Amino acid sequence: MLELRPNCECCGAILSPSSAEAYICSFECTFCAQCGGGVLRGICPNCGGQLLPRPARPEAMLLKHPASDKVIVRKEGCTATAP
């Protein structure tokens, strides 16, 4: 089950569990649309994997399986360079 992390790892922008602005890789590294699609050009800076829009969890299922509250921000910021 996806963690639905609450923020962009680059800029720290808050991303709600239903946000259409959230992008993830296969390891669930999470980025906003501006960072994931713009700065990073669709490539995860952590693993080099593809960043894709994160699916939303229906509200009823969020009650049963809540989103993560674990905040992760890259100390070194983000660039378009893969690892």
PDB file of N, CA and C in Angstrom:
ATOM      1  N   MET A   1       0.838  -1.170   0.000  1.00  0.00           N
ATOM      2  CA  MET A   1       0.000   0.000   0.000  1.00  0.00           C
ATOM      3  C   MET A   1       0.888   1.240   0.000  1.00  0.00           C
ATOM      4  N   LEU A   2       0.530   2.224  -0.815  1.00  0.00           N
ATOM      5  CA  LEU A   2       1.305   3.462  -0.881  1.00  0.00           C
ATOM      6  C   LEU A   2       1.246   4.224   0.442  1.00  0.00           C
ATOM      7  N   GLU A   3       2.363   4.836   0.800  1.00  0.00           N
ATOM      8  CA  GLU A   3       2.431   5.628   2.026  1.00  0.00           C
ATOM      9  C   GLU A   3       1.691   6.954   1.891  1.00  0.00           C
ATOM     10  N   LEU A   4       1.641   7.503   0.686  1.00  0.00           N
ATOM     11  CA  LEU A   4       1.072   8.831   0.447  1.00  0.00           C
ATOM     12  C   LEU A   4       1.769   9.866   1.329  1.00  0.00           C
ATOM     13  N   ARG A   5       3.047  10.036   1.082  1.00  0.00           N
ATOM     14  CA  ARG A   5       3.857  10.972   1.868  1.00  0.00           C
ATOM     15  C   ARG A   5       3.344  12.396   1.714  1.00  0.00           C
ATOM     16  N   PRO A   6       3.503  13.216   2.756  1.00  0.00           N
ATOM     17  CA  PRO A   6       2.820  14.505   2.810  1.00  0.00           C
ATOM     18  C   PRO A   6       3.492  15.710   2.145  1.00  0.00           C
ATOM     19  N   ASN A   7       4.693  15.528   1.585  1.00  0.00           N
ATOM     20  CA  ASN A   7       5.385  16.705   1.062  1.00  0.00           C
ATOM     21  C   ASN A   7       6.345  16.375  -0.073  1.00  0.00           C
ATOM     22  N   CYS A   8       6.750  17.417  -0.775  1.00  0.00           N
ATOM     23  CA  CYS A   8       7.754  17.302  -1.833  1.00  0.00           C
ATOM     24  C   CYS A   8       9.129  17.222  -1.178  1.00  0.00           C
ATOM     25  N   GLU A   9       9.922  16.248  -1.587  1.00  0.00           N
ATOM     26  CA  GLU A   9      11.266  16.083  -1.017  1.00  0.00           C
ATOM     27  C   GLU A   9      12.220  17.202  -1.437  1.00  0.00           C
ATOM     28  N   CYS A  10      11.895  17.919  -2.513  1.00  0.00           N
ATOM     29  CA  CYS A  10      12.775  19.007  -2.971  1.00  0.00           C
ATOM     30  C   CYS A  10      12.479  20.316  -2.270  1.00  0.00           C
ATOM     31  N   CYS A  11      11.253  20.799  -2.429  1.00  0.00           N
ATOM     32  CA  CYS A  11      10.922  22.142  -1.950  1.00  0.00           C
ATOM     33  C   CYS A  11      10.100  22.150  -0.668  1.00  0.00           C
ATOM     34  N   GLY A  12       9.630  20.977  -0.226  1.00  0.00           N
ATOM     35  CA  GLY A  12       8.862  20.884   1.004  1.00  0.00           C
ATOM     36  C   GLY A  12       7.385  21.205   0.852  1.00  0.00           C
ATOM     37  N   ALA A  13       6.926  21.462  -0.374  1.00  0.00           N
ATOM     38  CA  ALA A  13       5.507  21.785  -0.592  1.00  0.00           C
ATOM     39  C   ALA A  13       4.625  20.692   0.002  1.00  0.00           C
ATOM     40  N   ILE A  14       3.524  21.112   0.628  1.00  0.00           N
ATOM     41  CA  ILE A  14       2.572  20.183   1.218  1.00  0.00           C
ATOM     42  C   ILE A  14       1.747  19.548   0.102  1.00  0.00           C
ATOM     43  N   LEU A  15       1.612  18.225   0.147  1.00  0.00           N
ATOM     44  CA  LEU A  15       0.853  17.469  -0.847  1.00  0.00           C
ATOM     45  C   LEU A  15      -0.203  16.641  -0.133  1.00  0.00           C
ATOM     46  N   SER A  16      -1.451  16.999  -0.308  1.00  0.00           N
ATOM     47  CA  SER A  16      -2.534  16.252   0.342  1.00  0.00           C
ATOM     48  C   SER A  16      -2.605  14.847  -0.255  1.00  0.00           C
ATOM     49  N   PRO A  17      -3.212  13.904   0.445  1.00  0.00           N
ATOM     50  CA  PRO A  17      -3.325  12.540  -0.073  1.00  0.00           C
ATOM     51  C   PRO A  17      -4.054  12.457  -1.417  1.00  0.00           C
ATOM     52  N   SER A  18      -4.905  13.446  -1.703  1.00  0.00           N
ATOM     53  CA  SER A  18      -5.654  13.439  -2.959  1.00  0.00           C
ATOM     54  C   SER A  18      -5.072  14.393  -3.999  1.00  0.00           C
ATOM     55  N   SER A  19      -3.893  14.944  -3.736  1.00  0.00           N
ATOM     56  CA  SER A  19      -3.296  15.935  -4.628  1.00  0.00           C
ATOM     57  C   SER A  19      -2.973  15.370  -6.006  1.00  0.00           C
ATOM     58  N   ALA A  20      -3.408  16.095  -7.025  1.00  0.00           N
ATOM     59  CA  ALA A  20      -3.060  15.745  -8.406  1.00  0.00           C
ATOM     60  C   ALA A  20      -1.669  16.272  -8.740  1.00  0.00           C
ATOM     61  N   GLU A  21      -1.047  16.989  -7.818  1.00  0.00           N
ATOM     62  CA  GLU A  21       0.276  17.583  -8.016  1.00  0.00           C
ATOM     63  C   GLU A  21       1.411  16.692  -7.519  1.00  0.00           C
ATOM     64  N   ALA A  22       1.104  15.524  -6.966  1.00  0.00           N
ATOM     65  CA  ALA A  22       2.133  14.644  -6.398  1.00  0.00           C
ATOM     66  C   ALA A  22       2.659  13.659  -7.436  1.00  0.00           C
ATOM     67  N   TYR A  23       3.974  13.510  -7.461  1.00  0.00           N
ATOM     68  CA  TYR A  23       4.648  12.556  -8.345  1.00  0.00           C
ATOM     69  C   TYR A  23       5.495  11.627  -7.483  1.00  0.00           C
ATOM     70  N   ILE A  24       5.542  10.344  -7.864  1.00  0.00           N
ATOM     71  CA  ILE A  24       6.339   9.366  -7.114  1.00  0.00           C
ATOM     72  C   ILE A  24       7.122   8.469  -8.058  1.00  0.00           C
ATOM     73  N   CYS A  25       8.181   7.848  -7.516  1.00  0.00           N
ATOM     74  CA  CYS A  25       8.920   6.807  -8.229  1.00  0.00           C
ATOM     75  C   CYS A  25       8.488   5.462  -7.633  1.00  0.00           C
ATOM     76  N   SER A  26       9.086   4.382  -8.063  1.00  0.00           N
ATOM     77  CA  SER A  26       8.699   3.056  -7.566  1.00  0.00           C
ATOM     78  C   SER A  26       9.082   2.835  -6.103  1.00  0.00           C
ATOM     79  N   PHE A  27       9.946   3.692  -5.548  1.00  0.00           N
ATOM     80  CA  PHE A  27      10.301   3.608  -4.132  1.00  0.00           C
ATOM     81  C   PHE A  27       9.479   4.586  -3.290  1.00  0.00           C
ATOM     82  N   GLU A  28       8.547   5.273  -3.920  1.00  0.00           N
ATOM     83  CA  GLU A  28       7.654   6.249  -3.302  1.00  0.00           C
ATOM     84  C   GLU A  28       8.328   7.553  -2.904  1.00  0.00           C
ATOM     85  N   CYS A  29       9.498   7.840  -3.456  1.00  0.00           N
ATOM     86  CA  CYS A  29      10.058   9.172  -3.281  1.00  0.00           C
ATOM     87  C   CYS A  29       9.000  10.109  -3.847  1.00  0.00           C
ATOM     88  N   THR A  30       8.734  11.223  -3.179  1.00  0.00           N
ATOM     89  CA  THR A  30       7.586  12.053  -3.516  1.00  0.00           C
ATOM     90  C   THR A  30       8.000  13.485  -3.834  1.00  0.00           C
ATOM     91  N   PHE A  31       7.455  14.014  -4.919  1.00  0.00           N
ATOM     92  CA  PHE A  31       7.783  15.356  -5.391  1.00  0.00           C
ATOM     93  C   PHE A  31       6.541  16.052  -5.903  1.00  0.00           C
ATOM     94  N   CYS A  32       6.535  17.374  -5.846  1.00  0.00           N
ATOM     95  CA  CYS A  32       5.416  18.139  -6.411  1.00  0.00           C
ATOM     96  C   CYS A  32       5.595  18.181  -7.935  1.00  0.00           C
ATOM     97  N   ALA A  33       4.553  18.605  -8.636  1.00  0.00           N
ATOM     98  CA  ALA A  33       4.592  18.656 -10.102  1.00  0.00           C
ATOM     99  C   ALA A  33       5.673  19.611 -10.603  1.00  0.00           C
ATOM    100  N   GLN A  34       5.855  20.739  -9.923  1.00  0.00           N
ATOM    101  CA  GLN A  34       6.853  21.708 -10.359  1.00  0.00           C
ATOM    102  C   GLN A  34       8.261  21.121 -10.265  1.00  0.00           C
ATOM    103  N   CYS A  35       8.564  20.440  -9.173  1.00  0.00           N
ATOM    104  CA  CYS A  35       9.897  19.840  -9.013  1.00  0.00           C
ATOM    105  C   CYS A  35      10.015  18.549  -9.827  1.00  0.00           C
ATOM    106  N   GLY A  36       9.052  17.652  -9.688  1.00  0.00           N
ATOM    107  CA  GLY A  36       9.122  16.351 -10.359  1.00  0.00           C
ATOM    108  C   GLY A  36       9.094  16.426 -11.864  1.00  0.00           C
ATOM    109  N   GLY A  37       8.195  17.243 -12.392  1.00  0.00           N
ATOM    110  CA  GLY A  37       8.069  17.355 -13.841  1.00  0.00           C
ATOM    111  C   GLY A  37       8.934  18.443 -14.435  1.00  0.00           C
ATOM    112  N   GLY A  38       9.279  19.437 -13.615  1.00  0.00           N
ATOM    113  CA  GLY A  38      10.078  20.552 -14.101  1.00  0.00           C
ATOM    114  C   GLY A  38      11.552  20.370 -13.838  1.00  0.00           C
ATOM    115  N   VAL A  39      11.973  20.689 -12.631  1.00  0.00           N
ATOM    116  CA  VAL A  39      13.391  20.646 -12.251  1.00  0.00           C
ATOM    117  C   VAL A  39      14.011  19.278 -12.515  1.00  0.00           C
ATOM    118  N   LEU A  40      13.314  18.235 -12.120  1.00  0.00           N
ATOM    119  CA  LEU A  40      13.877  16.881 -12.216  1.00  0.00           C
ATOM    120  C   LEU A  40      13.601  16.199 -13.562  1.00  0.00           C
ATOM    121  N   ARG A  41      12.776  16.805 -14.380  1.00  0.00           N
ATOM    122  CA  ARG A  41      12.440  16.277 -15.715  1.00  0.00           C
ATOM    123  C   ARG A  41      11.960  14.835 -15.675  1.00  0.00           C
ATOM    124  N   GLY A  42      11.178  14.488 -14.633  1.00  0.00           N
ATOM    125  CA  GLY A  42      10.568  13.165 -14.555  1.00  0.00           C
ATOM    126  C   GLY A  42      11.487  12.049 -14.095  1.00  0.00           C
ATOM    127  N   ILE A  43      12.665  12.391 -13.572  1.00  0.00           N
ATOM    128  CA  ILE A  43      13.621  11.378 -13.099  1.00  0.00           C
ATOM    129  C   ILE A  43      13.883  11.589 -11.604  1.00  0.00           C
ATOM    130  N   CYS A  44      13.734  10.541 -10.809  1.00  0.00           N
ATOM    131  CA  CYS A  44      13.958  10.621  -9.370  1.00  0.00           C
ATOM    132  C   CYS A  44      15.441  10.853  -9.080  1.00  0.00           C
ATOM    133  N   PRO A  45      15.770  11.872  -8.275  1.00  0.00           N
ATOM    134  CA  PRO A  45      17.173  12.129  -7.946  1.00  0.00           C
ATOM    135  C   PRO A  45      17.745  11.129  -6.952  1.00  0.00           C
ATOM    136  N   ASN A  46      16.901  10.345  -6.318  1.00  0.00           N
ATOM    137  CA  ASN A  46      17.361   9.356  -5.343  1.00  0.00           C
ATOM    138  C   ASN A  46      17.746   8.030  -5.987  1.00  0.00           C
ATOM    139  N   CYS A  47      16.915   7.547  -6.914  1.00  0.00           N
ATOM    140  CA  CYS A  47      17.150   6.219  -7.482  1.00  0.00           C
ATOM    141  C   CYS A  47      17.322   6.212  -9.000  1.00  0.00           C
ATOM    142  N   GLY A  48      17.025   7.337  -9.651  1.00  0.00           N
ATOM    143  CA  GLY A  48      17.129   7.398 -11.107  1.00  0.00           C
ATOM    144  C   GLY A  48      15.904   6.856 -11.810  1.00  0.00           C
ATOM    145  N   GLY A  49      14.883   6.464 -11.038  1.00  0.00           N
ATOM    146  CA  GLY A  49      13.659   5.921 -11.622  1.00  0.00           C
ATOM    147  C   GLY A  49      12.743   6.997 -12.180  1.00  0.00           C
ATOM    148  N   GLN A  50      11.748   6.552 -12.909  1.00  0.00           N
ATOM    149  CA  GLN A  50      10.768   7.440 -13.525  1.00  0.00           C
ATOM    150  C   GLN A  50       9.796   7.980 -12.483  1.00  0.00           C
ATOM    151  N   LEU A  51       9.492   9.264 -12.564  1.00  0.00           N
ATOM    152  CA  LEU A  51       8.485   9.879 -11.696  1.00  0.00           C
ATOM    153  C   LEU A  51       7.163   9.946 -12.446  1.00  0.00           C
ATOM    154  N   LEU A  52       6.110   9.447 -11.812  1.00  0.00           N
ATOM    155  CA  LEU A  52       4.778   9.410 -12.407  1.00  0.00           C
ATOM    156  C   LEU A  52       3.766  10.012 -11.444  1.00  0.00           C
ATOM    157  N   PRO A  53       2.616  10.477 -11.960  1.00  0.00           N
ATOM    158  CA  PRO A  53       1.589  11.007 -11.052  1.00  0.00           C
ATOM    159  C   PRO A  53       1.189   9.964 -10.014  1.00  0.00           C
ATOM    160  N   ARG A  54       1.074  10.412  -8.776  1.00  0.00           N
ATOM    161  CA  ARG A  54       0.686   9.513  -7.687  1.00  0.00           C
ATOM    162  C   ARG A  54      -0.831   9.331  -7.702  1.00  0.00           C
ATOM    163  N   PRO A  55      -1.285   8.087  -7.614  1.00  0.00           N
ATOM    164  CA  PRO A  55      -2.740   7.883  -7.561  1.00  0.00           C
ATOM    165  C   PRO A  55      -3.300   8.370  -6.227  1.00  0.00           C
ATOM    166  N   ALA A  56      -4.546   8.803  -6.256  1.00  0.00           N
ATOM    167  CA  ALA A  56      -5.215   9.269  -5.034  1.00  0.00           C
ATOM    168  C   ALA A  56      -5.935   8.096  -4.381  1.00  0.00           C
ATOM    169  N   ARG A  57      -6.014   8.125  -3.069  1.00  0.00           N
ATOM    170  CA  ARG A  57      -6.755   7.113  -2.316  1.00  0.00           C
ATOM    171  C   ARG A  57      -8.147   7.677  -2.024  1.00  0.00           C
ATOM    172  N   PRO A  58      -9.200   6.920  -2.273  1.00  0.00           N
ATOM    173  CA  PRO A  58     -10.551   7.407  -1.984  1.00  0.00           C
ATOM    174  C   PRO A  58     -10.695   7.796  -0.512  1.00  0.00           C
ATOM    175  N   GLU A  59     -11.482   8.842  -0.250  1.00  0.00           N
ATOM    176  CA  GLU A  59     -11.673   9.351   1.109  1.00  0.00           C
ATOM    177  C   GLU A  59     -12.060   8.262   2.102  1.00  0.00           C
ATOM    178  N   ALA A  60     -12.966   7.384   1.706  1.00  0.00           N
ATOM    179  CA  ALA A  60     -13.417   6.320   2.619  1.00  0.00           C
ATOM    180  C   ALA A  60     -12.253   5.412   3.015  1.00  0.00           C
ATOM    181  N   MET A  61     -11.343   5.162   2.101  1.00  0.00           N
ATOM    182  CA  MET A  61     -10.193   4.303   2.396  1.00  0.00           C
ATOM    183  C   MET A  61      -9.129   5.044   3.201  1.00  0.00           C
ATOM    184  N   LEU A  62      -9.082   6.377   3.080  1.00  0.00           N
ATOM    185  CA  LEU A  62      -8.139   7.164   3.897  1.00  0.00           C
ATOM    186  C   LEU A  62      -8.466   7.046   5.379  1.00  0.00           C
ATOM    187  N   LEU A  63      -9.744   6.912   5.702  1.00  0.00           N
ATOM    188  CA  LEU A  63     -10.134   6.738   7.100  1.00  0.00           C
ATOM    189  C   LEU A  63      -9.608   5.416   7.645  1.00  0.00           C
ATOM    190  N   LYS A  64      -9.665   4.402   6.809  1.00  0.00           N
ATOM    191  CA  LYS A  64      -9.216   3.063   7.218  1.00  0.00           C
ATOM    192  C   LYS A  64      -7.697   2.920   7.112  1.00  0.00           C
ATOM    193  N   HIS A  65      -7.118   3.538   6.093  1.00  0.00           N
ATOM    194  CA  HIS A  65      -5.673   3.457   5.818  1.00  0.00           C
ATOM    195  C   HIS A  65      -5.146   4.871   5.598  1.00  0.00           C
ATOM    196  N   PRO A  66      -4.850   5.612   6.677  1.00  0.00           N
ATOM    197  CA  PRO A  66      -4.441   7.013   6.541  1.00  0.00           C
ATOM    198  C   PRO A  66      -3.091   7.197   5.847  1.00  0.00           C
ATOM    199  N   ALA A  67      -2.931   8.391   5.298  1.00  0.00           N
ATOM    200  CA  ALA A  67      -1.676   8.762   4.651  1.00  0.00           C
ATOM    201  C   ALA A  67      -0.570   8.915   5.696  1.00  0.00           C
ATOM    202  N   SER A  68       0.651   8.817   5.243  1.00  0.00           N
ATOM    203  CA  SER A  68       1.818   8.984   6.111  1.00  0.00           C
ATOM    204  C   SER A  68       1.953  10.429   6.573  1.00  0.00           C
ATOM    205  N   ASP A  69       2.558  10.624   7.726  1.00  0.00           N
ATOM    206  CA  ASP A  69       2.881  11.974   8.193  1.00  0.00           C
ATOM    207  C   ASP A  69       4.401  12.166   8.259  1.00  0.00           C
ATOM    208  N   LYS A  70       5.136  11.232   7.656  1.00  0.00           N
ATOM    209  CA  LYS A  70       6.601  11.264   7.657  1.00  0.00           C
ATOM    210  C   LYS A  70       7.108  12.275   6.630  1.00  0.00           C
ATOM    211  N   VAL A  71       7.721  13.346   7.109  1.00  0.00           N
ATOM    212  CA  VAL A  71       8.242  14.401   6.253  1.00  0.00           C
ATOM    213  C   VAL A  71       9.686  14.088   5.880  1.00  0.00           C
ATOM    214  N   ILE A  72       9.972  14.110   4.578  1.00  0.00           N
ATOM    215  CA  ILE A  72      11.330  13.884   4.065  1.00  0.00           C
ATOM    216  C   ILE A  72      11.679  15.052   3.161  1.00  0.00           C
ATOM    217  N   VAL A  73      12.814  15.704   3.418  1.00  0.00           N
ATOM    218  CA  VAL A  73      13.296  16.783   2.562  1.00  0.00           C
ATOM    219  C   VAL A  73      14.777  16.525   2.313  1.00  0.00           C
ATOM    220  N   ARG A  74      15.161  16.563   1.048  1.00  0.00           N
ATOM    221  CA  ARG A  74      16.567  16.352   0.683  1.00  0.00           C
ATOM    222  C   ARG A  74      17.410  17.534   1.153  1.00  0.00           C
ATOM    223  N   LYS A  75      18.422  17.267   1.975  1.00  0.00           N
ATOM    224  CA  LYS A  75      19.304  18.324   2.488  1.00  0.00           C
ATOM    225  C   LYS A  75      20.016  19.056   1.356  1.00  0.00           C
ATOM    226  N   GLU A  76      20.403  18.297   0.323  1.00  0.00           N
ATOM    227  CA  GLU A  76      21.156  18.867  -0.782  1.00  0.00           C
ATOM    228  C   GLU A  76      20.280  19.486  -1.858  1.00  0.00           C
ATOM    229  N   GLY A  77      18.950  19.500  -1.639  1.00  0.00           N
ATOM    230  CA  GLY A  77      18.046  20.059  -2.625  1.00  0.00           C
ATOM    231  C   GLY A  77      17.918  19.133  -3.818  1.00  0.00           C
ATOM    232  N   CYS A  78      17.444  19.652  -4.917  1.00  0.00           N
ATOM    233  CA  CYS A  78      17.227  18.813  -6.102  1.00  0.00           C
ATOM    234  C   CYS A  78      17.789  19.456  -7.356  1.00  0.00           C
ATOM    235  N   THR A  79      18.355  18.612  -8.176  1.00  0.00           N
ATOM    236  CA  THR A  79      18.825  19.028  -9.501  1.00  0.00           C
ATOM    237  C   THR A  79      18.398  17.953 -10.481  1.00  0.00           C
ATOM    238  N   ALA A  80      18.548  18.226 -11.741  1.00  0.00           N
ATOM    239  CA  ALA A  80      18.144  17.286 -12.777  1.00  0.00           C
ATOM    240  C   ALA A  80      19.157  16.169 -12.990  1.00  0.00           C
ATOM    241  N   THR A  81      20.086  15.992 -12.094  1.00  0.00           N
ATOM    242  CA  THR A  81      21.104  14.956 -12.213  1.00  0.00           C
ATOM    243  C   THR A  81      20.663  13.702 -11.485  1.00  0.00           C
ATOM    244  N   ALA A  82      20.591  12.585 -12.184  1.00  0.00           N
ATOM    245  CA  ALA A  82      20.254  11.308 -11.557  1.00  0.00           C
ATOM    246  C   ALA A  82      21.440  10.840 -10.720  1.00  0.00           C
ATOM    247  N   PRO A  83      21.198   9.947  -9.741  1.00  0.00           N
ATOM    248  CA  PRO A  83      22.271   9.472  -8.850  1.00  0.00           C
ATOM    249  C   PRO A  83      23.409   8.792  -9.584  1.00  0.00           C
TER     250      PRO A  83
END
